[in-house]
Structure formats: C-alpha cells, structure tokens
C-alpha atoms as a PDB file:
ATOM      1  CA  UNK A   1      -2.181  47.760 -37.911  1.00  0.00           C
ATOM      2  CA  UNK A   2      -0.048  49.106 -35.088  1.00  0.00           C
ATOM      3  CA  UNK A   3       2.957  46.950 -34.148  1.00  0.00           C
ATOM      4  CA  UNK A   4       2.928  45.479 -30.614  1.00  0.00           C
ATOM      5  CA  UNK A   5       4.503  47.635 -27.922  1.00  0.00           C
ATOM      6  CA  UNK A   6       7.672  45.997 -26.571  1.00  0.00           C
ATOM      7  CA  UNK A   7       8.697  46.812 -23.030  1.00  0.00           C
ATOM      8  CA  UNK A   8      12.534  47.176 -23.065  1.00  0.00           C
ATOM      9  CA  UNK A   9      12.882  47.294 -19.283  1.00  0.00           C
ATOM     10  CA  UNK A  10      14.692  44.603 -17.327  1.00  0.00           C
ATOM     11  CA  UNK A  11      12.437  42.176 -15.459  1.00  0.00           C
ATOM     12  CA  UNK A  12      13.885  40.324 -12.483  1.00  0.00           C
ATOM     13  CA  UNK A  13      12.778  37.001 -11.045  1.00  0.00           C
ATOM     14  CA  UNK A  14      14.345  34.533  -8.688  1.00  0.00           C
ATOM     15  CA  UNK A  15      14.003  31.905  -6.029  1.00  0.00           C
ATOM     16  CA  UNK A  16      15.859  30.601  -2.996  1.00  0.00           C
ATOM     17  CA  UNK A  17      15.365  27.432  -0.981  1.00  0.00           C
ATOM     18  CA  UNK A  18      16.894  26.857   2.446  1.00  0.00           C
ATOM     19  CA  UNK A  19      16.880  23.625   4.391  1.00  0.00           C
ATOM     20  CA  UNK A  20      18.807  22.646   7.479  1.00  0.00           C
ATOM     21  CA  UNK A  21      19.100  20.608  10.649  1.00  0.00           C
ATOM     22  CA  UNK A  22      21.165  21.558  13.695  1.00  0.00           C
ATOM     23  CA  UNK A  23      21.169  19.114  16.622  1.00  0.00           C
ATOM     24  CA  UNK A  24      23.221  19.249  19.825  1.00  0.00           C
ATOM     25  CA  UNK A  25      23.283  16.973  22.862  1.00  0.00           C
ATOM     26  CA  UNK A  26      23.055  13.203  22.427  1.00  0.00           C
ATOM     27  CA  UNK A  27      22.755  13.722  18.678  1.00  0.00           C
ATOM     28  CA  UNK A  28      25.288  16.097  17.111  1.00  0.00           C
ATOM     29  CA  UNK A  29      24.779  16.861  13.477  1.00  0.00           C
ATOM     30  CA  UNK A  30      24.465  19.861  11.201  1.00  0.00           C
ATOM     31  CA  UNK A  31      22.949  20.021   7.715  1.00  0.00           C
ATOM     32  CA  UNK A  32      22.688  23.097   5.509  1.00  0.00           C
ATOM     33  CA  UNK A  33      21.202  23.141   2.007  1.00  0.00           C
ATOM     34  CA  UNK A  34      20.899  26.301  -0.080  1.00  0.00           C
ATOM     35  CA  UNK A  35      19.675  26.471  -3.676  1.00  0.00           C
ATOM     36  CA  UNK A  36      19.160  29.873  -5.344  1.00  0.00           C
ATOM     37  CA  UNK A  37      18.613  31.391  -8.783  1.00  0.00           C
ATOM     38  CA  UNK A  38      18.439  34.966 -10.072  1.00  0.00           C
ATOM     39  CA  UNK A  39      17.183  35.833 -13.574  1.00  0.00           C
ATOM     40  CA  UNK A  40      17.313  39.206 -15.356  1.00  0.00           C
ATOM     41  CA  UNK A  41      15.277  39.287 -18.589  1.00  0.00           C
ATOM     42  CA  UNK A  42      14.824  41.797 -21.411  1.00  0.00           C
ATOM     43  CA  UNK A  43      13.064  41.085 -24.727  1.00  0.00           C
ATOM     44  CA  UNK A  44      16.319  39.993 -26.369  1.00  0.00           C
ATOM     45  CA  UNK A  45      18.645  39.033 -23.514  1.00  0.00           C
ATOM     46  CA  UNK A  46      18.626  36.899 -20.378  1.00  0.00           C
ATOM     47  CA  UNK A  47      21.117  36.618 -17.528  1.00  0.00           C
ATOM     48  CA  UNK A  48      20.956  33.694 -15.091  1.00  0.00           C
ATOM     49  CA  UNK A  49      23.001  33.035 -11.939  1.00  0.00           C
ATOM     50  CA  UNK A  50      22.643  29.763 -10.003  1.00  0.00           C
ATOM     51  CA  UNK A  51      24.155  28.784  -6.674  1.00  0.00           C
ATOM     52  CA  UNK A  52      23.908  25.573  -4.651  1.00  0.00           C
ATOM     53  CA  UNK A  53      25.489  24.631  -1.325  1.00  0.00           C
ATOM     54  CA  UNK A  54      25.178  21.278   0.452  1.00  0.00           C
ATOM     55  CA  UNK A  55      27.056  20.995   3.755  1.00  0.00           C
ATOM     56  CA  UNK A  56      26.632  18.325   6.422  1.00  0.00           C
ATOM     57  CA  UNK A  57      28.491  17.217   9.554  1.00  0.00           C
ATOM     58  CA  UNK A  58      27.857  14.393  12.031  1.00  0.00           C
ATOM     59  CA  UNK A  59      29.752  14.081  15.345  1.00  0.00           C
ATOM     60  CA  UNK A  60      32.322  16.577  14.076  1.00  0.00           C
ATOM     61  CA  UNK A  61      33.014  14.762  10.785  1.00  0.00           C
ATOM     62  CA  UNK A  62      32.103  16.197   7.404  1.00  0.00           C
ATOM     63  CA  UNK A  63      29.623  13.930   5.631  1.00  0.00           C
ATOM     64  CA  UNK A  64      28.826  16.206   2.682  1.00  0.00           C
ATOM     65  CA  UNK A  65      30.408  19.329   1.204  1.00  0.00           C
ATOM     66  CA  UNK A  66      29.304  20.239  -2.317  1.00  0.00           C
ATOM     67  CA  UNK A  67      29.159  23.712  -3.865  1.00  0.00           C
ATOM     68  CA  UNK A  68      28.166  24.994  -7.290  1.00  0.00           C
ATOM     69  CA  UNK A  69      28.161  28.437  -8.910  1.00  0.00           C
ATOM     70  CA  UNK A  70      26.971  28.923 -12.510  1.00  0.00           C
ATOM     71  CA  UNK A  71      26.276  31.923 -14.728  1.00  0.00           C
ATOM     72  CA  UNK A  72      24.811  32.152 -18.225  1.00  0.00           C
ATOM     73  CA  UNK A  73      24.127  34.908 -20.750  1.00  0.00           C
ATOM     74  CA  UNK A  74      21.492  34.266 -23.436  1.00  0.00           C
ATOM     75  CA  UNK A  75      21.067  36.406 -26.564  1.00  0.00           C
ATOM     76  CA  UNK A  76      17.741  35.826 -28.316  1.00  0.00           C
ATOM     77  CA  UNK A  77      17.870  35.684 -32.114  1.00  0.00           C
ATOM     78  CA  UNK A  78      14.078  35.367 -32.246  1.00  0.00           C
ATOM     79  CA  UNK A  79      11.271  34.817 -29.760  1.00  0.00           C
ATOM     80  CA  UNK A  80      12.266  31.187 -29.194  1.00  0.00           C
ATOM     81  CA  UNK A  81      15.858  30.785 -30.411  1.00  0.00           C
ATOM     82  CA  UNK A  82      18.968  32.007 -28.621  1.00  0.00           C
ATOM     83  CA  UNK A  83      22.716  31.571 -28.355  1.00  0.00           C
ATOM     84  CA  UNK A  84      24.478  31.473 -25.008  1.00  0.00           C
ATOM     85  CA  UNK A  85      27.779  31.571 -23.173  1.00  0.00           C
ATOM     86  CA  UNK A  86      28.140  30.119 -19.706  1.00  0.00           C
ATOM     87  CA  UNK A  87      30.589  29.352 -16.921  1.00  0.00           C
ATOM     88  CA  UNK A  88      30.373  26.829 -14.079  1.00  0.00           C
ATOM     89  CA  UNK A  89      32.508  26.144 -11.010  1.00  0.00           C
ATOM     90  CA  UNK A  90      31.942  23.365  -8.507  1.00  0.00           C
ATOM     91  CA  UNK A  91      33.677  21.462  -5.732  1.00  0.00           C
ATOM     92  CA  UNK A  92      32.979  18.274  -3.784  1.00  0.00           C
ATOM     93  CA  UNK A  93      35.146  17.643  -0.734  1.00  0.00           C
ATOM     94  CA  UNK A  94      34.203  13.990  -0.221  1.00  0.00           C
ATOM     95  CA  UNK A  95      34.745  13.206  -3.908  1.00  0.00           C
ATOM     96  CA  UNK A  96      38.209  14.824  -3.574  1.00  0.00           C
ATOM     97  CA  UNK A  97      37.230  17.342  -6.248  1.00  0.00           C
ATOM     98  CA  UNK A  98      38.975  20.596  -5.369  1.00  0.00           C
ATOM     99  CA  UNK A  99      37.561  22.496  -8.333  1.00  0.00           C
ATOM    100  CA  UNK A 100      35.860  21.732 -11.630  1.00  0.00           C
ATOM    101  CA  UNK A 101      35.412  24.656 -14.010  1.00  0.00           C
ATOM    102  CA  UNK A 102      33.846  24.804 -17.448  1.00  0.00           C
ATOM    103  CA  UNK A 103      33.396  27.491 -20.082  1.00  0.00           C
ATOM    104  CA  UNK A 104      30.860  26.879 -22.817  1.00  0.00           C
ATOM    105  CA  UNK A 105      28.798  28.260 -25.652  1.00  0.00           C
ATOM    106  CA  UNK A 106      25.944  26.934 -27.750  1.00  0.00           C
ATOM    107  CA  UNK A 107      22.398  27.179 -29.040  1.00  0.00           C
ATOM    108  CA  UNK A 108      19.160  27.055 -27.064  1.00  0.00           C
ATOM    109  CA  UNK A 109      15.449  26.973 -27.823  1.00  0.00           C
ATOM    110  CA  UNK A 110      12.836  28.415 -25.469  1.00  0.00           C
ATOM    111  CA  UNK A 111      10.067  26.024 -26.465  1.00  0.00           C
ATOM    112  CA  UNK A 112       7.474  27.398 -24.028  1.00  0.00           C
ATOM    113  CA  UNK A 113       7.590  30.479 -21.782  1.00  0.00           C
ATOM    114  CA  UNK A 114       4.398  31.653 -20.086  1.00  0.00           C
ATOM    115  CA  UNK A 115       2.957  31.989 -16.592  1.00  0.00           C
ATOM    116  CA  UNK A 116       2.119  28.268 -16.341  1.00  0.00           C
ATOM    117  CA  UNK A 117       4.894  26.531 -18.252  1.00  0.00           C
ATOM    118  CA  UNK A 118       8.583  27.069 -18.951  1.00  0.00           C
ATOM    119  CA  UNK A 119      10.474  24.605 -21.132  1.00  0.00           C
ATOM    120  CA  UNK A 120      13.856  25.054 -22.799  1.00  0.00           C
ATOM    121  CA  UNK A 121      16.565  22.848 -24.290  1.00  0.00           C
ATOM    122  CA  UNK A 122      20.216  23.601 -25.058  1.00  0.00           C
ATOM    123  CA  UNK A 123      23.120  22.031 -26.926  1.00  0.00           C
ATOM    124  CA  UNK A 124      26.659  23.342 -26.928  1.00  0.00           C
ATOM    125  CA  UNK A 125      30.362  22.766 -26.521  1.00  0.00           C
ATOM    126  CA  UNK A 126      32.480  23.427 -23.454  1.00  0.00           C
ATOM    127  CA  UNK A 127      35.987  23.119 -22.099  1.00  0.00           C
ATOM    128  CA  UNK A 128      36.248  21.373 -18.730  1.00  0.00           C
ATOM    129  CA  UNK A 129      39.116  21.502 -16.278  1.00  0.00           C
ATOM    130  CA  UNK A 130      39.245  19.350 -13.124  1.00  0.00           C
ATOM    131  CA  UNK A 131      41.572  19.569 -10.137  1.00  0.00           C
ATOM    132  CA  UNK A 132      41.559  16.723  -7.589  1.00  0.00           C
ATOM    133  CA  UNK A 133      43.229  16.257  -4.213  1.00  0.00           C
ATOM    134  CA  UNK A 134      44.358  12.667  -4.875  1.00  0.00           C
ATOM    135  CA  UNK A 135      44.324  12.370  -8.677  1.00  0.00           C
ATOM    136  CA  UNK A 136      46.095  14.119 -11.560  1.00  0.00           C
ATOM    137  CA  UNK A 137      44.589  17.304 -12.932  1.00  0.00           C
ATOM    138  CA  UNK A 138      42.806  16.879 -16.256  1.00  0.00           C
ATOM    139  CA  UNK A 139      41.127  19.024 -18.907  1.00  0.00           C
ATOM    140  CA  UNK A 140      39.170  18.207 -22.044  1.00  0.00           C
ATOM    141  CA  UNK A 141      36.649  19.537 -24.595  1.00  0.00           C
ATOM    142  CA  UNK A 142      33.091  18.264 -24.253  1.00  0.00           C
ATOM    143  CA  UNK A 143      29.578  18.344 -25.654  1.00  0.00           C
ATOM    144  CA  UNK A 144      26.917  19.744 -23.335  1.00  0.00           C
ATOM    145  CA  UNK A 145      23.142  19.223 -23.240  1.00  0.00           C
ATOM    146  CA  UNK A 146      20.564  20.804 -20.948  1.00  0.00           C
ATOM    147  CA  UNK A 147      16.835  20.584 -20.295  1.00  0.00           C
ATOM    148  CA  UNK A 148      14.915  22.985 -18.018  1.00  0.00           C
ATOM    149  CA  UNK A 149      11.227  22.459 -17.263  1.00  0.00           C
ATOM    150  CA  UNK A 150       8.764  24.054 -14.856  1.00  0.00           C
ATOM    151  CA  UNK A 151       5.014  23.451 -14.717  1.00  0.00           C
ATOM    152  CA  UNK A 152       2.374  24.956 -12.428  1.00  0.00           C
ATOM    153  CA  UNK A 153      -0.726  22.925 -11.554  1.00  0.00           C
ATOM    154  CA  UNK A 154      -4.059  23.522  -9.803  1.00  0.00           C
ATOM    155  CA  UNK A 155      -4.123  27.317 -10.185  1.00  0.00           C
ATOM    156  CA  UNK A 156      -0.462  27.584  -9.092  1.00  0.00           C
ATOM    157  CA  UNK A 157      -1.059  25.492  -5.956  1.00  0.00           C
ATOM    158  CA  UNK A 158       1.661  23.027  -6.994  1.00  0.00           C
ATOM    159  CA  UNK A 159       4.853  23.591  -9.024  1.00  0.00           C
ATOM    160  CA  UNK A 160       6.852  20.752 -10.587  1.00  0.00           C
ATOM    161  CA  UNK A 161      10.404  21.395 -11.820  1.00  0.00           C
ATOM    162  CA  UNK A 162      13.179  19.421 -13.458  1.00  0.00           C
ATOM    163  CA  UNK A 163      16.640  20.681 -14.464  1.00  0.00           C
ATOM    164  CA  UNK A 164      19.064  18.341 -16.224  1.00  0.00           C
ATOM    165  CA  UNK A 165      22.607  19.121 -17.373  1.00  0.00           C
ATOM    166  CA  UNK A 166      24.901  16.663 -19.179  1.00  0.00           C
ATOM    167  CA  UNK A 167      28.516  17.110 -20.249  1.00  0.00           C
ATOM    168  CA  UNK A 168      30.455  14.417 -22.082  1.00  0.00           C
ATOM    169  CA  UNK A 169      33.526  14.079 -24.265  1.00  0.00           C
ATOM    170  CA  UNK A 170      35.130  11.398 -26.432  1.00  0.00           C
ATOM    171  CA  UNK A 171      38.657  12.207 -25.243  1.00  0.00           C
ATOM    172  CA  UNK A 172      40.244   9.371 -23.222  1.00  0.00           C
ATOM    173  CA  UNK A 173      40.580  11.663 -20.192  1.00  0.00           C
ATOM    174  CA  UNK A 174      37.013  12.991 -20.417  1.00  0.00           C
ATOM    175  CA  UNK A 175      34.246  12.236 -17.951  1.00  0.00           C
ATOM    176  CA  UNK A 176      30.538  12.028 -18.570  1.00  0.00           C
ATOM    177  CA  UNK A 177      28.959  14.360 -16.012  1.00  0.00           C
ATOM    178  CA  UNK A 178      25.238  14.450 -15.266  1.00  0.00           C
ATOM    179  CA  UNK A 179      23.414  16.623 -12.737  1.00  0.00           C
ATOM    180  CA  UNK A 180      19.665  16.514 -12.210  1.00  0.00           C
ATOM    181  CA  UNK A 181      17.382  18.481  -9.883  1.00  0.00           C
ATOM    182  CA  UNK A 182      13.775  17.321  -9.657  1.00  0.00           C
ATOM    183  CA  UNK A 183      11.172  18.446  -7.182  1.00  0.00           C
ATOM    184  CA  UNK A 184       7.923  20.058  -6.084  1.00  0.00           C
ATOM    185  CA  UNK A 185       7.107  23.449  -4.605  1.00  0.00           C
ATOM    186  CA  UNK A 186       3.907  24.113  -2.678  1.00  0.00           C
ATOM    187  CA  UNK A 187       3.180  27.851  -2.304  1.00  0.00           C
ATOM    188  CA  UNK A 188       1.928  28.822   1.164  1.00  0.00           C
ATOM    189  CA  UNK A 189       1.815  32.638   1.350  1.00  0.00           C
ATOM    190  CA  UNK A 190       3.376  35.829  -0.051  1.00  0.00           C
ATOM    191  CA  UNK A 191       5.995  34.119  -2.199  1.00  0.00           C
ATOM    192  CA  UNK A 192       6.890  31.507   0.437  1.00  0.00           C
ATOM    193  CA  UNK A 193       6.746  27.821  -0.407  1.00  0.00           C
ATOM    194  CA  UNK A 194       7.566  24.376   0.906  1.00  0.00           C
ATOM    195  CA  UNK A 195      10.019  22.522  -1.322  1.00  0.00           C
ATOM    196  CA  UNK A 196      10.923  18.871  -1.760  1.00  0.00           C
ATOM    197  CA  UNK A 197      13.881  18.324  -4.084  1.00  0.00           C
ATOM    198  CA  UNK A 198      15.868  15.279  -5.205  1.00  0.00           C
ATOM    199  CA  UNK A 199      19.373  15.922  -6.548  1.00  0.00           C
ATOM    200  CA  UNK A 200      21.576  13.442  -8.422  1.00  0.00           C
ATOM    201  CA  UNK A 201      25.164  13.975  -9.594  1.00  0.00           C
ATOM    202  CA  UNK A 202      26.990  11.367 -11.706  1.00  0.00           C
ATOM    203  CA  UNK A 203      30.654  11.246 -12.747  1.00  0.00           C
ATOM    204  CA  UNK A 204      31.667   8.376 -15.037  1.00  0.00           C
ATOM    205  CA  UNK A 205      35.381   8.625 -14.173  1.00  0.00           C
ATOM    206  CA  UNK A 206      35.832   9.520 -10.488  1.00  0.00           C
ATOM    207  CA  UNK A 207      39.149   9.027  -8.660  1.00  0.00           C
ATOM    208  CA  UNK A 208      39.903   5.570  -7.235  1.00  0.00           C
ATOM    209  CA  UNK A 209      37.652   4.544  -4.302  1.00  0.00           C
ATOM    210  CA  UNK A 210      35.214   7.384  -5.035  1.00  0.00           C
ATOM    211  CA  UNK A 211      31.644   6.395  -5.926  1.00  0.00           C
ATOM    212  CA  UNK A 212      30.385   7.683  -9.290  1.00  0.00           C
ATOM    213  CA  UNK A 213      26.922   8.756  -8.060  1.00  0.00           C
ATOM    214  CA  UNK A 214      25.862  11.174  -5.318  1.00  0.00           C
ATOM    215  CA  UNK A 215      22.231  11.816  -4.414  1.00  0.00           C
ATOM    216  CA  UNK A 216      20.405  13.892  -1.833  1.00  0.00           C
ATOM    217  CA  UNK A 217      16.797  14.435  -0.813  1.00  0.00           C
ATOM    218  CA  UNK A 218      16.174  17.964   0.424  1.00  0.00           C
ATOM    219  CA  UNK A 219      13.231  19.431   2.325  1.00  0.00           C
ATOM    220  CA  UNK A 220      13.205  23.175   2.770  1.00  0.00           C
ATOM    221  CA  UNK A 221      11.428  26.493   2.825  1.00  0.00           C
ATOM    222  CA  UNK A 222      11.678  28.636  -0.279  1.00  0.00           C
ATOM    223  CA  UNK A 223      10.923  32.113  -1.518  1.00  0.00           C
ATOM    224  CA  UNK A 224      10.000  33.052  -5.102  1.00  0.00           C
ATOM    225  CA  UNK A 225       9.721  36.519  -6.591  1.00  0.00           C
END
C-alpha cells in the first residue's frame, strides 16, 4: 500500500467582522467593532493571530474602549494532539485596565477538524501581569483553559461559533478571568456574511467601583476566506 500524500504547503484562512454606527445631528454617537482572525496551517504546525477592538462614544464621552491582541503557535505531536505557546495583550479604558499581558504554554487536543465542524480544547499554565490606572500593579501565575467550537448547518447556510477562554490562579492577588464569544454567521455571497455576536468578559477582582462583568451584542458584516 502506498502511504498517503501529505501536502506540506502552508494553507491560510481567516475572517474579519466589522460593525459600526456613526450618527451626527440631534443624536451624536459613534460605535466601532472589529473582530478578526488569521490562521496559517501546515500538517504539523498552526499559527493563529486574533484581534478585537470595541470603541464607542456618545455626546463626546467614551462609553466603551476595549482592545485585544493574541497570538498562538501550535505544534502537532499527532493528528489530534498538540502543544502550544501563546501571548495575549488587552486593555479596557472604562475598567481602568491600562494593560494586561499573559504568556502561556500548554497542551491542546483538536477533537474534530473538517469542513463542517471544528472543535478543540486546551489546558495550560500562564503568567499574567496587570497594570491599572487607579490600582496597584499585580502579577501572578495561573491555570488556563480554552474551548473553541464552530459548526456549519444547512449546507453552510448558517454557522454557529463559540470561543471560551478562562484564566485563574490560587494566589491571593490572582483574578479569575473569563472571556466568551458566541454567535451566528449567515453567508450571503462570495465570502461575505452577516454576523450576530455576543461577547462577555468577567474579572473576579476588578478595581474598586468597577463592575466585574462587561457584555456587548454586536451586529456586523464579515468576510471569511
């Protein structure tokens, strides 16, 4: 029997979703939401870059300003098992978070990966450092968990996705951090789609007078390749 032919070339895929509102006159507000991902995949390696921006103003006052940039490198030990290293940086102006960075490593399992379904889970360790405008800087080691799921329905006419990331530590200065993106994409033509997305971010130990949970409902136009 001849062994299967493995294509060593790099395959690229990605998506970007843009939503916004810009009103002038009696109503003055501006909203900009951008969510993007780029993936480079070979048979034994995967590189992923994620970016998210949520900016909003009303009558000249900032009502939301959150940004996230994340990168991850996966090395596959087998078809389904891989190890990874990653880095994340985020800020949230209204939560007085100037910058939160984390560096991590761990183990992942690509449970399903085909044209209809993608499902993976990850567990790892990370080191988190947080810098606030009105609170002392803090840093701590943490355990991280992640779940990424995408499912296409009705001959690709509807796409459901859910991405969950949790970081938590037992150190007295550590926070439990949870981010979740859940939504639907409806393809319309030539890679374009309409997207509805619900984002939740939770911080168990925010600065004084800062709420622990932020959420946003986003409607936008996306492109997938």
